[in-house]
């Protein structure tokens, strides 16, 4: 790997890490997601510092060029991230459904109580 490319990759990853930390400090990003993205950044920095890892991985997986191995690894990691986010979204959707149902029940109960008070007042 070209030294200039390595330096640019490390600088870009450090800037992205700072961006993640700023978003987390402003409460725009969940801590679990912060940890996930920071691990992703650490992985990228390790690969930038030690490009031999990609070369060895491509040989082990019988992939002709290391760049294709790199793309394969990143696509796999992004699929894992998307799956994790989908699981979190499903949990949130279930919680919203429960909250809407509870809200409806409470609203109905309040309306019934108001009707009872109205009937007693007449």
N, C-alpha and C. Protein backbone atom coordinates (compact mmCIF):
# COMPACT_ATOMS: atom_id res chain seq x y z
N UNK A 1 0.85 -1.18 0.00
CA UNK A 1 0.00 0.00 0.00
C UNK A 1 0.89 1.23 0.00
N UNK A 2 0.50 2.19 -0.72
CA UNK A 2 1.22 3.46 -0.84
C UNK A 2 1.22 4.19 0.51
N UNK A 3 2.37 4.75 0.88
CA UNK A 3 2.48 5.46 2.17
C UNK A 3 1.54 6.65 2.25
N UNK A 4 1.38 7.38 1.15
CA UNK A 4 0.47 8.53 1.14
C UNK A 4 -0.96 8.08 1.38
N UNK A 5 -1.34 6.97 0.74
CA UNK A 5 -2.68 6.41 0.95
C UNK A 5 -2.87 5.98 2.39
N UNK A 6 -1.85 5.36 2.98
CA UNK A 6 -1.94 4.96 4.39
C UNK A 6 -2.15 6.17 5.29
N UNK A 7 -1.38 7.22 5.05
CA UNK A 7 -1.49 8.43 5.88
C UNK A 7 -2.87 9.07 5.72
N UNK A 8 -3.34 9.15 4.47
CA UNK A 8 -4.68 9.72 4.23
C UNK A 8 -5.77 8.89 4.89
N UNK A 9 -5.63 7.57 4.84
CA UNK A 9 -6.61 6.70 5.47
C UNK A 9 -6.61 6.86 6.98
N UNK A 10 -5.44 6.97 7.57
CA UNK A 10 -5.34 7.16 9.02
C UNK A 10 -5.90 8.51 9.42
N UNK A 11 -5.57 9.56 8.68
CA UNK A 11 -6.09 10.91 9.00
C UNK A 11 -7.61 10.95 8.84
N UNK A 12 -8.11 10.37 7.75
CA UNK A 12 -9.56 10.34 7.54
C UNK A 12 -10.29 9.57 8.64
N UNK A 13 -9.71 8.47 9.07
CA UNK A 13 -10.32 7.67 10.14
C UNK A 13 -10.28 8.42 11.47
N UNK A 14 -9.19 9.11 11.74
CA UNK A 14 -9.10 9.90 12.97
C UNK A 14 -10.14 11.02 12.96
N UNK A 15 -10.30 11.69 11.82
CA UNK A 15 -11.32 12.74 11.71
C UNK A 15 -12.73 12.17 11.90
N UNK A 16 -12.97 11.01 11.33
CA UNK A 16 -14.27 10.35 11.50
C UNK A 16 -14.49 9.96 12.96
N UNK A 17 -13.43 9.51 13.63
CA UNK A 17 -13.52 9.17 15.05
C UNK A 17 -13.87 10.40 15.88
N UNK A 18 -13.24 11.52 15.57
CA UNK A 18 -13.56 12.77 16.28
C UNK A 18 -15.01 13.16 16.03
N UNK A 19 -15.47 13.01 14.79
CA UNK A 19 -16.87 13.30 14.44
C UNK A 19 -17.82 12.43 15.27
N UNK A 20 -17.50 11.15 15.41
CA UNK A 20 -18.34 10.24 16.20
C UNK A 20 -18.37 10.67 17.66
N UNK A 21 -17.22 11.03 18.21
CA UNK A 21 -17.15 11.44 19.61
C UNK A 21 -17.94 12.73 19.84
N UNK A 22 -17.84 13.66 18.90
CA UNK A 22 -18.61 14.92 19.02
C UNK A 22 -20.10 14.63 18.99
N UNK A 23 -20.54 13.78 18.07
CA UNK A 23 -21.97 13.43 17.98
C UNK A 23 -22.44 12.75 19.26
N UNK A 24 -21.59 11.92 19.83
CA UNK A 24 -21.96 11.24 21.07
C UNK A 24 -22.04 12.22 22.23
N UNK A 25 -21.11 13.14 22.29
CA UNK A 25 -21.12 14.11 23.39
C UNK A 25 -22.32 15.04 23.30
N UNK A 26 -22.83 15.26 22.10
CA UNK A 26 -24.03 16.10 21.93
C UNK A 26 -25.32 15.28 22.00
N UNK A 27 -25.20 14.03 22.42
CA UNK A 27 -26.34 13.13 22.59
C UNK A 27 -27.08 12.85 21.28
N UNK A 28 -26.38 12.90 20.16
CA UNK A 28 -26.97 12.62 18.86
C UNK A 28 -26.77 11.16 18.46
N UNK A 29 -25.91 10.45 19.21
CA UNK A 29 -25.59 9.07 18.88
C UNK A 29 -25.59 8.24 20.16
N UNK A 30 -26.21 7.09 20.09
CA UNK A 30 -26.31 6.16 21.21
C UNK A 30 -24.93 5.60 21.55
N UNK A 31 -24.70 5.26 22.82
CA UNK A 31 -23.40 4.75 23.23
C UNK A 31 -23.08 3.41 22.60
N UNK A 32 -24.10 2.55 22.43
CA UNK A 32 -23.85 1.27 21.79
C UNK A 32 -23.40 1.46 20.34
N UNK A 33 -24.04 2.39 19.65
CA UNK A 33 -23.65 2.66 18.27
C UNK A 33 -22.28 3.32 18.21
N UNK A 34 -21.99 4.15 19.19
CA UNK A 34 -20.67 4.77 19.25
C UNK A 34 -19.59 3.71 19.37
N UNK A 35 -19.83 2.75 20.24
CA UNK A 35 -18.86 1.66 20.42
C UNK A 35 -18.69 0.88 19.12
N UNK A 36 -19.78 0.62 18.44
CA UNK A 36 -19.73 -0.10 17.17
C UNK A 36 -18.89 0.66 16.14
N UNK A 37 -19.15 1.96 15.99
CA UNK A 37 -18.41 2.75 15.00
C UNK A 37 -16.96 2.94 15.40
N UNK A 38 -16.69 3.08 16.70
CA UNK A 38 -15.30 3.21 17.13
C UNK A 38 -14.51 1.92 16.87
N UNK A 39 -15.14 0.78 17.04
CA UNK A 39 -14.49 -0.49 16.71
C UNK A 39 -14.21 -0.57 15.21
N UNK A 40 -15.16 -0.10 14.42
CA UNK A 40 -14.99 -0.07 12.97
C UNK A 40 -13.80 0.82 12.61
N UNK A 41 -13.69 1.99 13.24
CA UNK A 41 -12.57 2.90 12.99
C UNK A 41 -11.24 2.27 13.42
N UNK A 42 -11.24 1.60 14.55
CA UNK A 42 -10.02 0.93 15.02
C UNK A 42 -9.59 -0.13 14.02
N UNK A 43 -10.54 -0.87 13.49
CA UNK A 43 -10.25 -1.89 12.49
C UNK A 43 -9.62 -1.27 11.24
N UNK A 44 -10.16 -0.14 10.80
CA UNK A 44 -9.63 0.53 9.62
C UNK A 44 -8.20 1.03 9.88
N UNK A 45 -7.96 1.59 11.06
CA UNK A 45 -6.62 2.08 11.38
C UNK A 45 -5.62 0.92 11.43
N UNK A 46 -6.03 -0.20 12.02
CA UNK A 46 -5.14 -1.36 12.07
C UNK A 46 -4.80 -1.83 10.65
N UNK A 47 -5.82 -1.87 9.79
CA UNK A 47 -5.57 -2.28 8.40
C UNK A 47 -4.69 -1.27 7.66
N UNK A 48 -4.82 0.00 7.99
CA UNK A 48 -3.99 1.02 7.33
C UNK A 48 -2.54 0.93 7.80
N UNK A 49 -2.35 0.65 9.07
CA UNK A 49 -0.99 0.56 9.61
C UNK A 49 -0.31 -0.75 9.18
N UNK A 50 -1.09 -1.83 9.16
CA UNK A 50 -0.55 -3.14 8.80
C UNK A 50 -1.25 -3.69 7.56
N UNK A 51 -0.89 -3.23 6.38
CA UNK A 51 -1.56 -3.71 5.16
C UNK A 51 -1.27 -5.19 4.86
N UNK A 52 -0.28 -5.75 5.55
CA UNK A 52 0.02 -7.17 5.34
C UNK A 52 -1.16 -8.06 5.76
N UNK A 53 -1.98 -7.55 6.66
CA UNK A 53 -3.15 -8.32 7.11
C UNK A 53 -4.08 -8.58 5.92
N UNK A 54 -4.31 -7.57 5.12
CA UNK A 54 -5.18 -7.73 3.95
C UNK A 54 -4.54 -8.66 2.93
N UNK A 55 -3.24 -8.53 2.74
CA UNK A 55 -2.54 -9.38 1.77
C UNK A 55 -2.63 -10.84 2.21
N UNK A 56 -2.40 -11.09 3.49
CA UNK A 56 -2.49 -12.46 4.02
C UNK A 56 -3.91 -12.99 3.93
N UNK A 57 -4.87 -12.14 4.26
CA UNK A 57 -6.27 -12.55 4.20
C UNK A 57 -6.68 -12.91 2.78
N UNK A 58 -6.23 -12.13 1.82
CA UNK A 58 -6.59 -12.43 0.43
C UNK A 58 -5.96 -13.75 -0.02
N UNK A 59 -4.77 -14.05 0.45
CA UNK A 59 -4.14 -15.33 0.11
C UNK A 59 -4.89 -16.50 0.76
N UNK A 60 -5.28 -16.32 2.03
CA UNK A 60 -6.01 -17.38 2.74
C UNK A 60 -7.35 -17.66 2.08
N UNK A 61 -8.05 -16.59 1.68
CA UNK A 61 -9.37 -16.74 1.06
C UNK A 61 -9.30 -17.03 -0.44
N UNK A 62 -8.08 -17.13 -0.97
CA UNK A 62 -7.85 -17.39 -2.40
C UNK A 62 -8.50 -16.31 -3.27
N UNK A 63 -8.33 -15.05 -2.82
CA UNK A 63 -8.82 -13.91 -3.59
C UNK A 63 -7.62 -13.31 -4.30
N UNK A 64 -7.78 -13.05 -5.57
CA UNK A 64 -6.63 -12.69 -6.41
C UNK A 64 -5.95 -11.39 -5.98
N UNK A 65 -6.74 -10.35 -5.70
CA UNK A 65 -6.12 -9.08 -5.33
C UNK A 65 -6.54 -8.69 -3.91
N UNK A 66 -5.64 -8.09 -3.16
CA UNK A 66 -5.95 -7.67 -1.80
C UNK A 66 -7.10 -6.64 -1.73
N UNK A 67 -7.24 -5.83 -2.78
CA UNK A 67 -8.31 -4.84 -2.77
C UNK A 67 -9.68 -5.52 -2.75
N UNK A 68 -9.80 -6.61 -3.50
CA UNK A 68 -11.07 -7.34 -3.49
C UNK A 68 -11.35 -7.95 -2.12
N UNK A 69 -10.31 -8.41 -1.45
CA UNK A 69 -10.47 -8.94 -0.09
C UNK A 69 -10.91 -7.82 0.85
N UNK A 70 -10.33 -6.65 0.67
CA UNK A 70 -10.70 -5.50 1.49
C UNK A 70 -12.18 -5.15 1.28
N UNK A 71 -12.61 -5.11 0.01
CA UNK A 71 -14.02 -4.84 -0.27
C UNK A 71 -14.92 -5.90 0.35
N UNK A 72 -14.52 -7.15 0.25
CA UNK A 72 -15.31 -8.24 0.82
C UNK A 72 -15.45 -8.09 2.33
N UNK A 73 -14.36 -7.76 2.99
CA UNK A 73 -14.38 -7.58 4.45
C UNK A 73 -15.28 -6.41 4.83
N UNK A 74 -15.14 -5.28 4.13
CA UNK A 74 -15.94 -4.11 4.46
C UNK A 74 -17.42 -4.33 4.16
N UNK A 75 -17.71 -5.00 3.07
CA UNK A 75 -19.12 -5.31 2.76
C UNK A 75 -19.70 -6.19 3.85
N UNK A 76 -18.94 -7.20 4.29
CA UNK A 76 -19.42 -8.06 5.37
C UNK A 76 -19.65 -7.26 6.65
N UNK A 77 -18.70 -6.39 7.01
CA UNK A 77 -18.86 -5.59 8.22
C UNK A 77 -20.07 -4.64 8.12
N UNK A 78 -20.28 -4.07 6.94
CA UNK A 78 -21.44 -3.19 6.77
C UNK A 78 -22.75 -3.96 6.84
N UNK A 79 -22.76 -5.19 6.36
CA UNK A 79 -23.95 -6.03 6.49
C UNK A 79 -24.23 -6.32 7.97
N UNK A 80 -23.17 -6.56 8.73
CA UNK A 80 -23.34 -6.77 10.18
C UNK A 80 -23.91 -5.52 10.84
N UNK A 81 -23.41 -4.35 10.47
CA UNK A 81 -23.91 -3.08 11.02
C UNK A 81 -25.38 -2.89 10.66
N UNK A 82 -25.73 -3.15 9.41
CA UNK A 82 -27.12 -2.99 8.97
C UNK A 82 -28.02 -3.97 9.74
N UNK A 83 -27.57 -5.20 9.94
CA UNK A 83 -28.37 -6.16 10.70
C UNK A 83 -28.56 -5.69 12.14
N UNK A 84 -27.49 -5.21 12.75
CA UNK A 84 -27.58 -4.71 14.13
C UNK A 84 -28.58 -3.55 14.21
N UNK A 85 -28.49 -2.62 13.26
CA UNK A 85 -29.41 -1.49 13.25
C UNK A 85 -30.85 -1.93 13.00
N UNK A 86 -31.03 -2.95 12.17
CA UNK A 86 -32.36 -3.48 11.93
C UNK A 86 -32.93 -4.10 13.20
N UNK A 87 -32.11 -4.81 13.93
CA UNK A 87 -32.56 -5.40 15.19
C UNK A 87 -32.95 -4.32 16.19
N UNK A 88 -32.15 -3.26 16.28
CA UNK A 88 -32.48 -2.15 17.17
C UNK A 88 -33.77 -1.47 16.74
N UNK A 89 -33.96 -1.30 15.44
CA UNK A 89 -35.17 -0.68 14.92
C UNK A 89 -36.39 -1.53 15.25
N UNK A 90 -36.27 -2.83 15.16
CA UNK A 90 -37.38 -3.72 15.50
C UNK A 90 -37.76 -3.58 16.97
N UNK A 91 -36.75 -3.51 17.83
CA UNK A 91 -37.03 -3.34 19.26
C UNK A 91 -37.77 -2.03 19.51
N UNK A 92 -37.33 -0.96 18.85
CA UNK A 92 -37.95 0.35 19.03
C UNK A 92 -39.38 0.34 18.51
N UNK A 93 -39.60 -0.31 17.37
CA UNK A 93 -40.96 -0.39 16.82
C UNK A 93 -41.89 -1.15 17.77
N UNK A 94 -41.40 -2.22 18.38
CA UNK A 94 -42.21 -2.96 19.35
C UNK A 94 -42.54 -2.10 20.56
N UNK A 95 -41.58 -1.35 21.04
CA UNK A 95 -41.83 -0.46 22.18
C UNK A 95 -42.84 0.63 21.82
N UNK A 96 -42.74 1.17 20.62
CA UNK A 96 -43.70 2.20 20.19
C UNK A 96 -45.10 1.62 20.11
N UNK A 97 -45.23 0.41 19.58
CA UNK A 97 -46.54 -0.23 19.51
C UNK A 97 -47.14 -0.40 20.90
N UNK A 98 -46.34 -0.86 21.83
CA UNK A 98 -46.82 -1.05 23.21
C UNK A 98 -47.22 0.30 23.82
N UNK A 99 -46.42 1.34 23.59
CA UNK A 99 -46.73 2.65 24.14
C UNK A 99 -48.02 3.22 23.54
N UNK A 100 -48.23 3.03 22.25
CA UNK A 100 -49.46 3.51 21.62
C UNK A 100 -50.67 2.78 22.19
N UNK A 101 -50.55 1.47 22.38
CA UNK A 101 -51.65 0.70 22.95
C UNK A 101 -51.95 1.14 24.38
N UNK A 102 -50.91 1.32 25.19
CA UNK A 102 -51.11 1.77 26.56
C UNK A 102 -51.72 3.17 26.58
N UNK A 103 -51.26 4.03 25.69
CA UNK A 103 -51.79 5.38 25.61
C UNK A 103 -53.27 5.36 25.25
N UNK A 104 -53.65 4.50 24.32
CA UNK A 104 -55.06 4.39 23.94
C UNK A 104 -55.92 3.89 25.10
N UNK A 105 -55.40 2.91 25.83
CA UNK A 105 -56.15 2.40 26.99
C UNK A 105 -56.31 3.47 28.06
N UNK A 106 -55.25 4.23 28.31
CA UNK A 106 -55.33 5.30 29.30
C UNK A 106 -56.30 6.40 28.85
N UNK A 107 -56.26 6.73 27.58
CA UNK A 107 -57.17 7.74 27.04
C UNK A 107 -58.61 7.30 27.18
N UNK A 108 -58.88 6.04 26.88
CA UNK A 108 -60.24 5.51 27.02
C UNK A 108 -60.68 5.55 28.48
N UNK A 109 -59.78 5.19 29.39
CA UNK A 109 -60.11 5.20 30.81
C UNK A 109 -60.40 6.62 31.29
N UNK A 110 -59.63 7.59 30.83
CA UNK A 110 -59.85 8.99 31.21
C UNK A 110 -61.20 9.47 30.68
N UNK A 111 -61.50 9.11 29.43
CA UNK A 111 -62.79 9.50 28.86
C UNK A 111 -63.95 8.89 29.63
N UNK A 112 -63.81 7.62 30.04
CA UNK A 112 -64.86 6.97 30.82
C UNK A 112 -65.04 7.64 32.17
N UNK A 113 -63.93 8.02 32.80
CA UNK A 113 -64.00 8.71 34.10
C UNK A 113 -64.66 10.08 33.93
N UNK A 114 -64.35 10.76 32.84
CA UNK A 114 -64.96 12.07 32.59
C UNK A 114 -66.46 11.92 32.36
N UNK A 115 -66.86 10.87 31.66
CA UNK A 115 -68.29 10.62 31.45
C UNK A 115 -69.00 10.32 32.75
N UNK A 116 -68.37 9.54 33.64
CA UNK A 116 -68.96 9.22 34.93
C UNK A 116 -69.15 10.49 35.76
N UNK A 117 -68.15 11.38 35.77
CA UNK A 117 -68.23 12.62 36.52
C UNK A 117 -69.32 13.51 35.93
N UNK A 118 -69.42 13.50 34.62
CA UNK A 118 -70.44 14.31 33.94
C UNK A 118 -71.84 13.83 34.30
N UNK A 119 -72.03 12.52 34.37
CA UNK A 119 -73.34 11.95 34.72
C UNK A 119 -73.69 12.23 36.19
N UNK A 120 -72.66 12.18 37.05
CA UNK A 120 -72.92 12.46 38.46
C UNK A 120 -73.25 13.92 38.69
N UNK A 121 -72.66 14.78 37.89
CA UNK A 121 -72.87 16.21 38.02
C UNK A 121 -74.24 16.64 37.56
N UNK A 122 -74.88 15.88 36.72
CA UNK A 122 -76.20 16.26 36.19
C UNK A 122 -77.27 15.91 37.12
